[in-house]
C-alpha atoms as a PDB file:
ATOM      1  CA  MET A   1      78.826  84.044  69.427  1.00  0.00           C
ATOM      2  CA  GLU A   2      78.269  80.345  68.841  1.00  0.00           C
ATOM      3  CA  LYS A   3      79.215  78.088  71.783  1.00  0.00           C
ATOM      4  CA  THR A   4      81.961  76.072  70.025  1.00  0.00           C
ATOM      5  CA  LEU A   5      83.607  79.230  68.689  1.00  0.00           C
ATOM      6  CA  ARG A   6      83.436  80.856  72.135  1.00  0.00           C
ATOM      7  CA  GLN A   7      85.048  77.794  73.734  1.00  0.00           C
ATOM      8  CA  LYS A   8      87.832  77.950  71.151  1.00  0.00           C
ATOM      9  CA  LYS A   9      88.348  81.646  71.911  1.00  0.00           C
ATOM     10  CA  VAL A  10      88.276  80.994  75.683  1.00  0.00           C
ATOM     11  CA  LEU A  11      91.010  78.383  75.227  1.00  0.00           C
ATOM     12  CA  GLU A  12      93.047  80.807  73.096  1.00  0.00           C
ATOM     13  CA  SER A  13      92.687  83.534  75.741  1.00  0.00           C
ATOM     14  CA  ILE A  14      93.854  81.238  78.521  1.00  0.00           C
ATOM     15  CA  SER A  15      96.675  79.739  76.418  1.00  0.00           C
ATOM     16  CA  SER A  16      98.059  83.077  75.278  1.00  0.00           C
ATOM     17  CA  SER A  17      98.184  84.624  78.750  1.00  0.00           C
ATOM     18  CA  THR A  18     101.289  84.396  80.925  1.00  0.00           C
ATOM     19  CA  ASP A  19      99.118  84.932  84.025  1.00  0.00           C
ATOM     20  CA  PRO A  20      95.903  83.214  85.123  1.00  0.00           C
ATOM     21  CA  VAL A  21      92.780  84.665  83.483  1.00  0.00           C
ATOM     22  CA  SER A  22      89.753  85.120  85.737  1.00  0.00           C
ATOM     23  CA  GLY A  23      86.363  83.723  84.820  1.00  0.00           C
ATOM     24  CA  SER A  24      84.883  87.204  85.266  1.00  0.00           C
ATOM     25  CA  GLU A  25      87.402  88.662  82.817  1.00  0.00           C
ATOM     26  CA  LEU A  26      86.549  85.985  80.241  1.00  0.00           C
ATOM     27  CA  ALA A  27      82.813  86.491  80.798  1.00  0.00           C
ATOM     28  CA  LEU A  28      83.159  90.219  80.173  1.00  0.00           C
ATOM     29  CA  LYS A  29      85.313  89.652  77.091  1.00  0.00           C
ATOM     30  CA  PHE A  30      82.806  87.237  75.519  1.00  0.00           C
ATOM     31  CA  GLY A  31      79.588  88.858  76.755  1.00  0.00           C
ATOM     32  CA  VAL A  32      78.358  85.897  78.813  1.00  0.00           C
ATOM     33  CA  THR A  33      78.021  85.074  82.499  1.00  0.00           C
ATOM     34  CA  ARG A  34      80.848  83.652  84.588  1.00  0.00           C
ATOM     35  CA  GLN A  35      78.793  80.461  85.012  1.00  0.00           C
ATOM     36  CA  ILE A  36      78.837  79.950  81.233  1.00  0.00           C
ATOM     37  CA  ILE A  37      82.640  80.347  81.258  1.00  0.00           C
ATOM     38  CA  VAL A  38      82.865  77.773  84.083  1.00  0.00           C
ATOM     39  CA  ARG A  39      80.808  75.351  81.964  1.00  0.00           C
ATOM     40  CA  ASP A  40      82.917  76.093  78.865  1.00  0.00           C
ATOM     41  CA  VAL A  41      86.111  75.359  80.813  1.00  0.00           C
ATOM     42  CA  MET A  42      84.642  72.102  82.149  1.00  0.00           C
ATOM     43  CA  ILE A  43      83.814  71.039  78.576  1.00  0.00           C
ATOM     44  CA  LEU A  44      87.327  71.962  77.404  1.00  0.00           C
ATOM     45  CA  LYS A  45      88.811  69.904  80.261  1.00  0.00           C
ATOM     46  CA  ALA A  46      86.591  66.959  79.306  1.00  0.00           C
ATOM     47  CA  GLN A  47      87.971  67.273  75.764  1.00  0.00           C
ATOM     48  CA  GLY A  48      91.479  66.816  77.160  1.00  0.00           C
ATOM     49  CA  GLU A  49      92.702  70.387  77.584  1.00  0.00           C
ATOM     50  CA  ASP A  50      95.001  70.688  80.611  1.00  0.00           C
ATOM     51  CA  ILE A  51      93.380  73.793  82.062  1.00  0.00           C
ATOM     52  CA  ARG A  52      94.102  74.440  85.724  1.00  0.00           C
ATOM     53  CA  SER A  53      92.673  77.052  88.058  1.00  0.00           C
ATOM     54  CA  ASN A  54      93.592  78.879  91.215  1.00  0.00           C
ATOM     55  CA  SER A  55      92.207  81.844  93.115  1.00  0.00           C
ATOM     56  CA  ARG A  56      93.382  84.206  90.343  1.00  0.00           C
ATOM     57  CA  GLY A  57      91.874  82.356  87.390  1.00  0.00           C
ATOM     58  CA  TYR A  58      92.481  79.762  84.689  1.00  0.00           C
ATOM     59  CA  TYR A  59      95.825  78.807  83.179  1.00  0.00           C
ATOM     60  CA  ILE A  60      97.299  76.081  80.982  1.00  0.00           C
ATOM     61  CA  ASN A  61      99.627  73.566  82.595  1.00  0.00           C
ATOM     62  CA  SER A  62     102.903  73.975  80.752  1.00  0.00           C
ATOM     63  CA  GLU A  63     104.631  70.666  80.032  1.00  0.00           C
ATOM     64  CA  LYS A  64     108.078  72.271  79.987  1.00  0.00           C
ATOM     65  CA  LYS A  65     107.725  72.964  83.676  1.00  0.00           C
ATOM     66  CA  HIS A  66     108.117  70.458  86.476  1.00  0.00           C
ATOM     67  CA  ILE A  67     105.608  69.934  89.244  1.00  0.00           C
ATOM     68  CA  LYS A  68     107.410  69.122  92.482  1.00  0.00           C
ATOM     69  CA  THR A  69     106.200  68.295  95.972  1.00  0.00           C
ATOM     70  CA  VAL A  70     107.696  69.836  99.099  1.00  0.00           C
ATOM     71  CA  ALA A  71     106.845  68.713 102.639  1.00  0.00           C
ATOM     72  CA  VAL A  72     107.317  71.460 105.210  1.00  0.00           C
ATOM     73  CA  ARG A  73     106.595  72.438 108.803  1.00  0.00           C
ATOM     74  CA  HIS A  74     106.628  75.949 110.202  1.00  0.00           C
ATOM     75  CA  SER A  75     104.813  78.413 112.401  1.00  0.00           C
ATOM     76  CA  MET A  76     102.367  81.024 111.147  1.00  0.00           C
ATOM     77  CA  SER A  77     105.066  83.679 111.497  1.00  0.00           C
ATOM     78  CA  GLU A  78     107.229  81.783 108.981  1.00  0.00           C
ATOM     79  CA  ILE A  79     104.618  81.538 106.185  1.00  0.00           C
ATOM     80  CA  ARG A  80     105.961  84.652 104.453  1.00  0.00           C
ATOM     81  CA  ASP A  81     109.568  83.379 104.596  1.00  0.00           C
ATOM     82  CA  GLU A  82     108.587  79.976 103.223  1.00  0.00           C
ATOM     83  CA  LEU A  83     106.668  81.444 100.286  1.00  0.00           C
ATOM     84  CA  LEU A  84     109.356  84.011  99.502  1.00  0.00           C
ATOM     85  CA  ILE A  85     111.999  81.280  99.341  1.00  0.00           C
ATOM     86  CA  MET A  86     109.908  79.561  96.694  1.00  0.00           C
ATOM     87  CA  VAL A  87     108.930  82.557  94.536  1.00  0.00           C
ATOM     88  CA  ASN A  88     112.412  84.098  94.750  1.00  0.00           C
ATOM     89  CA  ASN A  89     113.665  80.863  93.177  1.00  0.00           C
ATOM     90  CA  ASN A  90     111.260  81.112  90.224  1.00  0.00           C
ATOM     91  CA  ALA A  91     108.587  78.775  91.579  1.00  0.00           C
ATOM     92  CA  THR A  92     104.831  79.011  91.513  1.00  0.00           C
ATOM     93  CA  VAL A  93     103.249  77.631  94.669  1.00  0.00           C
ATOM     94  CA  VAL A  94     100.211  75.851  93.270  1.00  0.00           C
ATOM     95  CA  ASP A  95      98.539  74.675  96.443  1.00  0.00           C
ATOM     96  CA  ILE A  96      98.731  73.586 100.055  1.00  0.00           C
ATOM     97  CA  VAL A  97      97.746  70.078 101.139  1.00  0.00           C
ATOM     98  CA  VAL A  98      97.038  69.049 104.732  1.00  0.00           C
ATOM     99  CA  GLU A  99      95.893  65.796 106.251  1.00  0.00           C
ATOM    100  CA  HIS A 100      92.719  66.268 108.291  1.00  0.00           C
ATOM    101  CA  PRO A 101      91.982  63.640 110.978  1.00  0.00           C
ATOM    102  CA  VAL A 102      88.336  63.282 109.869  1.00  0.00           C
ATOM    103  CA  TYR A 103      88.152  64.449 106.238  1.00  0.00           C
ATOM    104  CA  GLY A 104      91.493  63.116 105.007  1.00  0.00           C
ATOM    105  CA  GLU A 105      93.469  65.170 102.518  1.00  0.00           C
ATOM    106  CA  ILE A 106      92.363  68.787 102.093  1.00  0.00           C
ATOM    107  CA  THR A 107      93.814  70.900  99.282  1.00  0.00           C
ATOM    108  CA  GLY A 108      93.649  74.664  98.954  1.00  0.00           C
ATOM    109  CA  ALA A 109      94.622  76.283  95.640  1.00  0.00           C
ATOM    110  CA  ILE A 110      96.797  79.352  96.278  1.00  0.00           C
ATOM    111  CA  GLY A 111      98.611  80.080  92.978  1.00  0.00           C
ATOM    112  CA  ILE A 112     101.425  82.249  94.329  1.00  0.00           C
ATOM    113  CA  SER A 113     104.213  83.171  91.904  1.00  0.00           C
ATOM    114  CA  THR A 114     105.391  86.696  92.774  1.00  0.00           C
ATOM    115  CA  VAL A 115     106.483  88.690  95.811  1.00  0.00           C
ATOM    116  CA  ASP A 116     103.273  90.727  95.433  1.00  0.00           C
ATOM    117  CA  ASP A 117     101.260  87.475  95.546  1.00  0.00           C
ATOM    118  CA  VAL A 118     103.053  86.527  98.783  1.00  0.00           C
ATOM    119  CA  GLN A 119     102.246  89.918 100.346  1.00  0.00           C
ATOM    120  CA  ALA A 120      98.598  89.690  99.273  1.00  0.00           C
ATOM    121  CA  PHE A 121      98.265  86.122 100.563  1.00  0.00           C
ATOM    122  CA  CYS A 122      99.825  87.013 103.924  1.00  0.00           C
ATOM    123  CA  ALA A 123      97.454  89.972 104.242  1.00  0.00           C
ATOM    124  CA  ARG A 124      94.448  87.708 103.516  1.00  0.00           C
ATOM    125  CA  ILE A 125      95.363  85.093 106.137  1.00  0.00           C
ATOM    126  CA  LYS A 126      96.417  87.617 108.779  1.00  0.00           C
ATOM    127  CA  ASN A 127      93.070  87.422 110.576  1.00  0.00           C
ATOM    128  CA  SER A 128      92.316  83.762 109.943  1.00  0.00           C
ATOM    129  CA  LYS A 129      93.727  80.331 110.642  1.00  0.00           C
ATOM    130  CA  PRO A 130      95.846  78.876 107.823  1.00  0.00           C
ATOM    131  CA  LEU A 131      95.186  75.291 106.710  1.00  0.00           C
ATOM    132  CA  SER A 132      98.610  74.293 108.006  1.00  0.00           C
ATOM    133  CA  SER A 133      97.396  74.916 111.573  1.00  0.00           C
ATOM    134  CA  ILE A 134      95.405  71.653 111.385  1.00  0.00           C
ATOM    135  CA  ASN A 135      98.608  69.613 111.821  1.00  0.00           C
ATOM    136  CA  LYS A 136     100.803  71.963 113.849  1.00  0.00           C
ATOM    137  CA  GLY A 137     102.287  73.507 110.716  1.00  0.00           C
ATOM    138  CA  VAL A 138     102.925  70.262 108.786  1.00  0.00           C
ATOM    139  CA  HIS A 139     101.782  70.408 105.160  1.00  0.00           C
ATOM    140  CA  ILE A 140     102.719  69.825 101.536  1.00  0.00           C
ATOM    141  CA  HIS A 141     103.024  72.287  98.664  1.00  0.00           C
ATOM    142  CA  HIS A 142     102.936  71.415  94.994  1.00  0.00           C
ATOM    143  CA  ILE A 143     105.191  73.858  93.186  1.00  0.00           C
ATOM    144  CA  ILE A 144     106.000  74.458  89.533  1.00  0.00           C
ATOM    145  CA  VAL A 145     109.581  75.155  88.485  1.00  0.00           C
ATOM    146  CA  GLU A 146     111.166  75.341  85.054  1.00  0.00           C
ATOM    147  CA  LYS A 147     114.640  74.251  86.135  1.00  0.00           C
ATOM    148  CA  GLU A 148     115.768  71.487  88.438  1.00  0.00           C
ATOM    149  CA  SER A 149     118.427  73.854  89.818  1.00  0.00           C
ATOM    150  CA  ASP A 150     115.687  76.207  91.064  1.00  0.00           C
ATOM    151  CA  PHE A 151     114.074  73.306  92.897  1.00  0.00           C
ATOM    152  CA  GLN A 152     117.389  72.312  94.467  1.00  0.00           C
ATOM    153  CA  ASN A 153     117.924  75.915  95.635  1.00  0.00           C
ATOM    154  CA  ILE A 154     114.469  75.896  97.230  1.00  0.00           C
ATOM    155  CA  ILE A 155     115.194  72.645  99.065  1.00  0.00           C
ATOM    156  CA  GLU A 156     118.537  73.947 100.336  1.00  0.00           C
ATOM    157  CA  GLN A 157     117.054  77.232 101.564  1.00  0.00           C
ATOM    158  CA  LEU A 158     114.055  75.579 103.214  1.00  0.00           C
ATOM    159  CA  GLU A 159     116.445  73.210 104.959  1.00  0.00           C
ATOM    160  CA  LYS A 160     118.676  76.101 106.056  1.00  0.00           C
ATOM    161  CA  HIS A 161     115.648  77.835 107.585  1.00  0.00           C
ATOM    162  CA  LYS A 162     114.584  74.564 109.269  1.00  0.00           C
ATOM    163  CA  ILE A 163     111.293  74.599 107.360  1.00  0.00           C
ATOM    164  CA  LEU A 164     111.868  71.498 105.198  1.00  0.00           C
ATOM    165  CA  LEU A 165     110.322  68.370 106.657  1.00  0.00           C
ATOM    166  CA  LYS A 166     112.642  65.389 106.460  1.00  0.00           C
END
């Protein structure tokens, strides 16, 4: 398949999916390596396509959704509660951002949007140190919500659980 046609098809595959599409999945579908898909996506981004990625794959940033920022502080034992509050109110937790004393801002893409994602994430960090441990649990999440009311519910519940940083 010619490169320009493949890039068009890669964009169509990402755009038509409601979930992130992995580079490996795209590589298999188009009979190329994952590295070629990575290059194709970089070219599409350079052409102005708003393709985002997280640990589960590539997705298109939907303009009808709102990207919000939430500053929080909690212990490791409260990570699950924090994430569940967000996903149970129809949010996708895009990333975590911490301020490192030497390196400055560090961002980790997490892409959590379902209860299953929360469970899987909590299982993965069980035997490691989460990024939020750098600043005694203080961090920021960028979240995507479709409705302002969902965001307000998240804020209220995080505040109720004493997780919201004010």
